[in-house]
Amino acid sequence: MKNYVLPSLLLFSSLFAQNLFFSEYIEGSGNNKALEIYNPTGATVDLSGYEIWRISNGGDWSEGQGNAVELSGYSVPSGDVFVVCNSSIAEEFSGECDILGTTATYYNGDDAVGLAHNGVLIDAIGEEGDDPGSGWAVAGIANATGEHTLVRKSSVTQGNTDWESSAGTDVCDSEWSVYDQNTFDYLGFH
């Protein structure tokens, strides 16, 4: 019986760990940029095997994987967030940062970012393909990934790699709330 239980537990554990997702995206003025990852699971998650991928000015997720920033060596407790910030973020905003300074935050509104686990994309902000111009629309707001803060709605319980459905077309069907540039009020919790 143990031979059947162990693989089932490993499979459950692997699926359980993949429930992490982006809960906040900040594309502020200058280098005021941050990504927040939320752990809705019932356990602390070791971030080994997790990466942030970035596509610059159009491209595909294989480029994003080539620009991967590994999160090994860190963990995020159940119900908590893990925050990655640009090294030059204003000091007044840096208090919630778990990592200061990685290439993961070298993005602008037209650069897609993804969260991957063991080489599989599990959440995305933006999408692969042609450069969208200044940014992607979110909740009916043009170029909302540029010079705005996006906060995932509390009703969202998992990542979404289908950017069109995640972004939505209005405030009702979007997974995100869009705030003005340099809104840092929600960083550090979800």
C-alpha atoms as a PDB file:
ATOM      1  CA  MET A   1       0.000   0.000   0.000  1.00  0.00           C
ATOM      2  CA  LYS A   2       2.850   2.407   0.722  1.00  0.00           C
ATOM      3  CA  ASN A   3       4.016   2.076  -2.875  1.00  0.00           C
ATOM      4  CA  TYR A   4       0.687   3.558  -4.000  1.00  0.00           C
ATOM      5  CA  VAL A   5       0.427   6.226  -1.311  1.00  0.00           C
ATOM      6  CA  LEU A   6       3.873   7.741  -1.818  1.00  0.00           C
ATOM      7  CA  PRO A   7       3.449   8.535  -5.542  1.00  0.00           C
ATOM      8  CA  SER A   8      -0.001   9.965  -4.831  1.00  0.00           C
ATOM      9  CA  LEU A   9       1.417  12.172  -2.098  1.00  0.00           C
ATOM     10  CA  LEU A  10       4.259  13.308  -4.349  1.00  0.00           C
ATOM     11  CA  LEU A  11       1.835  14.153  -7.138  1.00  0.00           C
ATOM     12  CA  PHE A  12      -0.424  16.014  -4.680  1.00  0.00           C
ATOM     13  CA  SER A  13       2.578  17.862  -3.246  1.00  0.00           C
ATOM     14  CA  SER A  14       3.734  18.886  -6.726  1.00  0.00           C
ATOM     15  CA  LEU A  15       0.287  20.153  -7.709  1.00  0.00           C
ATOM     16  CA  PHE A  16      -0.127  21.830  -4.326  1.00  0.00           C
ATOM     17  CA  ALA A  17       3.121  23.760  -4.779  1.00  0.00           C
ATOM     18  CA  GLN A  18       2.067  25.090  -8.181  1.00  0.00           C
ATOM     19  CA  ASN A  19      -0.716  27.174  -6.682  1.00  0.00           C
ATOM     20  CA  LEU A  20       1.578  30.195  -6.228  1.00  0.00           C
ATOM     21  CA  PHE A  21       0.686  33.162  -8.416  1.00  0.00           C
ATOM     22  CA  PHE A  22       1.412  36.835  -9.022  1.00  0.00           C
ATOM     23  CA  SER A  23      -0.699  38.947  -6.701  1.00  0.00           C
ATOM     24  CA  GLU A  24       0.759  42.340  -7.592  1.00  0.00           C
ATOM     25  CA  TYR A  25       2.665  43.978 -10.434  1.00  0.00           C
ATOM     26  CA  ILE A  26       4.056  47.487 -10.098  1.00  0.00           C
ATOM     27  CA  GLU A  27       5.434  49.396 -13.082  1.00  0.00           C
ATOM     28  CA  GLY A  28       6.101  52.673 -11.333  1.00  0.00           C
ATOM     29  CA  SER A  29       8.104  55.729 -12.254  1.00  0.00           C
ATOM     30  CA  GLY A  30      11.817  55.245 -12.848  1.00  0.00           C
ATOM     31  CA  ASN A  31      12.933  52.004 -11.209  1.00  0.00           C
ATOM     32  CA  ASN A  32       9.985  51.728  -8.837  1.00  0.00           C
ATOM     33  CA  LYS A  33       9.122  48.213 -10.002  1.00  0.00           C
ATOM     34  CA  ALA A  34       8.023  45.194  -7.980  1.00  0.00           C
ATOM     35  CA  LEU A  35       6.466  41.755  -8.413  1.00  0.00           C
ATOM     36  CA  GLU A  36       4.575  40.079  -5.597  1.00  0.00           C
ATOM     37  CA  ILE A  37       3.984  36.310  -5.452  1.00  0.00           C
ATOM     38  CA  TYR A  38       1.230  34.955  -3.211  1.00  0.00           C
ATOM     39  CA  ASN A  39       1.102  31.551  -1.484  1.00  0.00           C
ATOM     40  CA  PRO A  40      -2.559  30.505  -1.025  1.00  0.00           C
ATOM     41  CA  THR A  41      -1.594  26.951  -0.058  1.00  0.00           C
ATOM     42  CA  GLY A  42      -1.852  25.534   3.441  1.00  0.00           C
ATOM     43  CA  ALA A  43       1.920  25.123   3.797  1.00  0.00           C
ATOM     44  CA  THR A  44       5.194  26.994   3.454  1.00  0.00           C
ATOM     45  CA  VAL A  45       6.500  26.601  -0.104  1.00  0.00           C
ATOM     46  CA  ASP A  46      10.205  26.250  -0.867  1.00  0.00           C
ATOM     47  CA  LEU A  47      10.841  28.402  -3.929  1.00  0.00           C
ATOM     48  CA  SER A  48      13.440  26.009  -5.370  1.00  0.00           C
ATOM     49  CA  GLY A  49      12.287  25.222  -8.887  1.00  0.00           C
ATOM     50  CA  TYR A  50      10.440  28.530  -9.216  1.00  0.00           C
ATOM     51  CA  GLU A  51      11.602  31.174 -11.689  1.00  0.00           C
ATOM     52  CA  ILE A  52      10.471  34.531 -13.000  1.00  0.00           C
ATOM     53  CA  TRP A  53      10.634  34.747 -16.788  1.00  0.00           C
ATOM     54  CA  ARG A  54      10.699  37.990 -18.792  1.00  0.00           C
ATOM     55  CA  ILE A  55      10.089  38.703 -22.489  1.00  0.00           C
ATOM     56  CA  SER A  56      11.440  42.078 -23.658  1.00  0.00           C
ATOM     57  CA  ASN A  57       9.578  44.016 -26.353  1.00  0.00           C
ATOM     58  CA  GLY A  58       7.858  41.029 -27.895  1.00  0.00           C
ATOM     59  CA  GLY A  59       9.067  37.459 -28.291  1.00  0.00           C
ATOM     60  CA  ASP A  60       8.144  34.085 -26.895  1.00  0.00           C
ATOM     61  CA  TRP A  61       8.325  32.276 -23.573  1.00  0.00           C
ATOM     62  CA  SER A  62      11.499  30.448 -24.615  1.00  0.00           C
ATOM     63  CA  GLU A  63      13.153  33.894 -24.541  1.00  0.00           C
ATOM     64  CA  GLY A  64      11.533  34.423 -21.159  1.00  0.00           C
ATOM     65  CA  GLN A  65      12.952  31.150 -19.921  1.00  0.00           C
ATOM     66  CA  GLY A  66      16.377  32.271 -21.198  1.00  0.00           C
ATOM     67  CA  ASN A  67      16.026  35.396 -19.022  1.00  0.00           C
ATOM     68  CA  ALA A  68      14.953  33.361 -15.990  1.00  0.00           C
ATOM     69  CA  VAL A  69      15.647  34.523 -12.456  1.00  0.00           C
ATOM     70  CA  GLU A  70      15.722  31.586 -10.050  1.00  0.00           C
ATOM     71  CA  LEU A  71      14.108  31.943  -6.636  1.00  0.00           C
ATOM     72  CA  SER A  72      15.994  29.030  -5.034  1.00  0.00           C
ATOM     73  CA  GLY A  73      17.097  29.597  -1.475  1.00  0.00           C
ATOM     74  CA  TYR A  74      13.887  31.344  -0.475  1.00  0.00           C
ATOM     75  CA  SER A  75      10.512  30.205   0.795  1.00  0.00           C
ATOM     76  CA  VAL A  76       7.116  31.807   1.313  1.00  0.00           C
ATOM     77  CA  PRO A  77       4.861  30.892   4.249  1.00  0.00           C
ATOM     78  CA  SER A  78       1.231  29.912   3.758  1.00  0.00           C
ATOM     79  CA  GLY A  79      -0.990  32.938   3.232  1.00  0.00           C
ATOM     80  CA  ASP A  80       1.995  35.231   2.794  1.00  0.00           C
ATOM     81  CA  VAL A  81       3.680  36.958  -0.139  1.00  0.00           C
ATOM     82  CA  PHE A  82       7.179  37.086  -1.570  1.00  0.00           C
ATOM     83  CA  VAL A  83       8.199  40.437  -3.077  1.00  0.00           C
ATOM     84  CA  VAL A  84      10.882  40.978  -5.725  1.00  0.00           C
ATOM     85  CA  CYS A  85      11.947  44.618  -6.237  1.00  0.00           C
ATOM     86  CA  ASN A  86      14.260  46.552  -8.502  1.00  0.00           C
ATOM     87  CA  SER A  87      17.562  47.411  -6.799  1.00  0.00           C
ATOM     88  CA  SER A  88      16.947  51.126  -7.379  1.00  0.00           C
ATOM     89  CA  ILE A  89      13.415  51.222  -5.984  1.00  0.00           C
ATOM     90  CA  ALA A  90      12.823  54.333  -3.864  1.00  0.00           C
ATOM     91  CA  GLU A  91      13.726  53.732  -0.222  1.00  0.00           C
ATOM     92  CA  GLU A  92      10.216  54.684   0.876  1.00  0.00           C
ATOM     93  CA  PHE A  93       8.870  51.664  -1.079  1.00  0.00           C
ATOM     94  CA  SER A  94      11.609  49.124  -0.282  1.00  0.00           C
ATOM     95  CA  GLY A  95      10.437  47.993   3.171  1.00  0.00           C
ATOM     96  CA  GLU A  96       8.321  45.105   1.836  1.00  0.00           C
ATOM     97  CA  CYS A  97      10.982  43.719  -0.542  1.00  0.00           C
ATOM     98  CA  ASP A  98      12.272  40.173   0.027  1.00  0.00           C
ATOM     99  CA  ILE A  99      14.741  40.474  -2.856  1.00  0.00           C
ATOM    100  CA  LEU A 100      16.256  43.771  -3.937  1.00  0.00           C
ATOM    101  CA  GLY A 101      17.916  43.719  -7.329  1.00  0.00           C
ATOM    102  CA  THR A 102      17.370  41.083  -9.982  1.00  0.00           C
ATOM    103  CA  THR A 103      16.925  41.274 -13.713  1.00  0.00           C
ATOM    104  CA  ALA A 104      13.331  40.076 -13.168  1.00  0.00           C
ATOM    105  CA  THR A 105      12.337  43.705 -12.588  1.00  0.00           C
ATOM    106  CA  TYR A 106      13.983  45.051 -15.752  1.00  0.00           C
ATOM    107  CA  TYR A 107      10.608  45.441 -17.415  1.00  0.00           C
ATOM    108  CA  ASN A 108       8.386  48.125 -18.854  1.00  0.00           C
ATOM    109  CA  GLY A 109       4.713  47.927 -19.738  1.00  0.00           C
ATOM    110  CA  ASP A 110       5.386  46.112 -23.011  1.00  0.00           C
ATOM    111  CA  ASP A 111       7.462  43.322 -21.409  1.00  0.00           C
ATOM    112  CA  ALA A 112       5.671  40.130 -20.380  1.00  0.00           C
ATOM    113  CA  VAL A 113       6.628  38.457 -17.087  1.00  0.00           C
ATOM    114  CA  GLY A 114       5.819  34.920 -16.070  1.00  0.00           C
ATOM    115  CA  LEU A 115       6.037  32.706 -13.015  1.00  0.00           C
ATOM    116  CA  ALA A 116       7.309  29.204 -13.782  1.00  0.00           C
ATOM    117  CA  HIS A 117       7.671  26.044 -11.701  1.00  0.00           C
ATOM    118  CA  ASN A 118      10.068  23.314 -12.815  1.00  0.00           C
ATOM    119  CA  GLY A 119      10.243  24.813 -16.309  1.00  0.00           C
ATOM    120  CA  VAL A 120       6.462  25.130 -16.754  1.00  0.00           C
ATOM    121  CA  LEU A 121       4.779  28.526 -16.965  1.00  0.00           C
ATOM    122  CA  ILE A 122       2.066  28.738 -14.260  1.00  0.00           C
ATOM    123  CA  ASP A 123       1.117  32.434 -14.323  1.00  0.00           C
ATOM    124  CA  ALA A 124       1.668  35.380 -16.665  1.00  0.00           C
ATOM    125  CA  ILE A 125       1.311  39.120 -16.933  1.00  0.00           C
ATOM    126  CA  GLY A 126       1.287  39.949 -20.627  1.00  0.00           C
ATOM    127  CA  GLU A 127       1.753  37.406 -23.382  1.00  0.00           C
ATOM    128  CA  GLU A 128       4.196  36.154 -25.950  1.00  0.00           C
ATOM    129  CA  GLY A 129       4.029  37.475 -29.495  1.00  0.00           C
ATOM    130  CA  ASP A 130       4.464  40.888 -31.040  1.00  0.00           C
ATOM    131  CA  ASP A 131       5.412  43.905 -28.956  1.00  0.00           C
ATOM    132  CA  PRO A 132       2.088  45.373 -27.751  1.00  0.00           C
ATOM    133  CA  GLY A 133       3.326  48.960 -27.989  1.00  0.00           C
ATOM    134  CA  SER A 134       3.230  50.778 -24.637  1.00  0.00           C
ATOM    135  CA  GLY A 135       1.494  47.948 -22.797  1.00  0.00           C
ATOM    136  CA  TRP A 136      -1.475  45.602 -22.569  1.00  0.00           C
ATOM    137  CA  ALA A 137      -5.022  46.616 -21.722  1.00  0.00           C
ATOM    138  CA  VAL A 138      -6.316  45.361 -18.369  1.00  0.00           C
ATOM    139  CA  ALA A 139      -9.921  45.681 -17.166  1.00  0.00           C
ATOM    140  CA  GLY A 140     -10.702  47.903 -20.164  1.00  0.00           C
ATOM    141  CA  ILE A 141      -7.872  50.350 -19.385  1.00  0.00           C
ATOM    142  CA  ALA A 142      -5.492  50.834 -22.325  1.00  0.00           C
ATOM    143  CA  ASN A 143      -1.779  50.282 -21.643  1.00  0.00           C
ATOM    144  CA  ALA A 144      -2.527  49.309 -18.032  1.00  0.00           C
ATOM    145  CA  THR A 145       0.673  47.248 -17.704  1.00  0.00           C
ATOM    146  CA  GLY A 146       2.619  50.466 -18.301  1.00  0.00           C
ATOM    147  CA  GLU A 147       2.922  53.020 -15.516  1.00  0.00           C
ATOM    148  CA  HIS A 148       0.271  51.411 -13.313  1.00  0.00           C
ATOM    149  CA  THR A 149      -0.048  49.055 -10.372  1.00  0.00           C
ATOM    150  CA  LEU A 150      -2.028  45.848 -10.909  1.00  0.00           C
ATOM    151  CA  VAL A 151      -3.423  44.035  -7.857  1.00  0.00           C
ATOM    152  CA  ARG A 152      -4.950  40.565  -8.253  1.00  0.00           C
ATOM    153  CA  LYS A 153      -8.510  40.404  -6.990  1.00  0.00           C
ATOM    154  CA  SER A 154      -9.050  38.364  -3.822  1.00  0.00           C
ATOM    155  CA  SER A 155     -11.474  36.102  -5.718  1.00  0.00           C
ATOM    156  CA  VAL A 156      -8.541  34.721  -7.766  1.00  0.00           C
ATOM    157  CA  THR A 157      -7.140  31.523  -6.259  1.00  0.00           C
ATOM    158  CA  GLN A 158      -4.620  30.372  -8.872  1.00  0.00           C
ATOM    159  CA  GLY A 159      -2.378  31.560 -11.671  1.00  0.00           C
ATOM    160  CA  ASN A 160      -3.540  32.004 -15.240  1.00  0.00           C
ATOM    161  CA  THR A 161      -1.364  31.695 -18.341  1.00  0.00           C
ATOM    162  CA  ASP A 162      -4.205  32.866 -20.609  1.00  0.00           C
ATOM    163  CA  TRP A 163      -3.478  36.582 -20.482  1.00  0.00           C
ATOM    164  CA  GLU A 164      -6.591  37.549 -22.454  1.00  0.00           C
ATOM    165  CA  SER A 165      -8.890  35.981 -19.844  1.00  0.00           C
ATOM    166  CA  SER A 166      -6.754  37.219 -16.935  1.00  0.00           C
ATOM    167  CA  ALA A 167      -6.681  40.820 -18.195  1.00  0.00           C
ATOM    168  CA  GLY A 168     -10.375  40.786 -19.049  1.00  0.00           C
ATOM    169  CA  THR A 169     -12.229  43.501 -20.902  1.00  0.00           C
ATOM    170  CA  ASP A 170     -13.736  45.465 -17.996  1.00  0.00           C
ATOM    171  CA  VAL A 171     -13.629  45.726 -14.195  1.00  0.00           C
ATOM    172  CA  CYS A 172     -16.108  42.868 -13.817  1.00  0.00           C
ATOM    173  CA  ASP A 173     -14.347  40.147 -15.829  1.00  0.00           C
ATOM    174  CA  SER A 174     -10.717  41.099 -15.138  1.00  0.00           C
ATOM    175  CA  GLU A 175      -8.692  39.226 -12.511  1.00  0.00           C
ATOM    176  CA  TRP A 176      -6.929  42.522 -11.735  1.00  0.00           C
ATOM    177  CA  SER A 177      -7.698  45.903 -10.205  1.00  0.00           C
ATOM    178  CA  VAL A 178      -5.766  48.716 -11.871  1.00  0.00           C
ATOM    179  CA  TYR A 179      -4.345  51.563  -9.781  1.00  0.00           C
ATOM    180  CA  ASP A 180      -2.408  54.727 -10.579  1.00  0.00           C
ATOM    181  CA  GLN A 181       1.349  54.670 -11.030  1.00  0.00           C
ATOM    182  CA  ASN A 182       3.384  54.339  -7.800  1.00  0.00           C
ATOM    183  CA  THR A 183       0.503  52.867  -5.793  1.00  0.00           C
ATOM    184  CA  PHE A 184       2.373  50.818  -3.193  1.00  0.00           C
ATOM    185  CA  ASP A 185      -0.453  50.629  -0.627  1.00  0.00           C
ATOM    186  CA  TYR A 186      -1.101  46.912  -1.243  1.00  0.00           C
ATOM    187  CA  LEU A 187       2.485  45.649  -1.442  1.00  0.00           C
ATOM    188  CA  GLY A 188       3.500  43.097   1.175  1.00  0.00           C
ATOM    189  CA  PHE A 189       0.144  41.371   1.698  1.00  0.00           C
ATOM    190  CA  HIS A 190      -2.687  39.889  -0.328  1.00  0.00           C
END
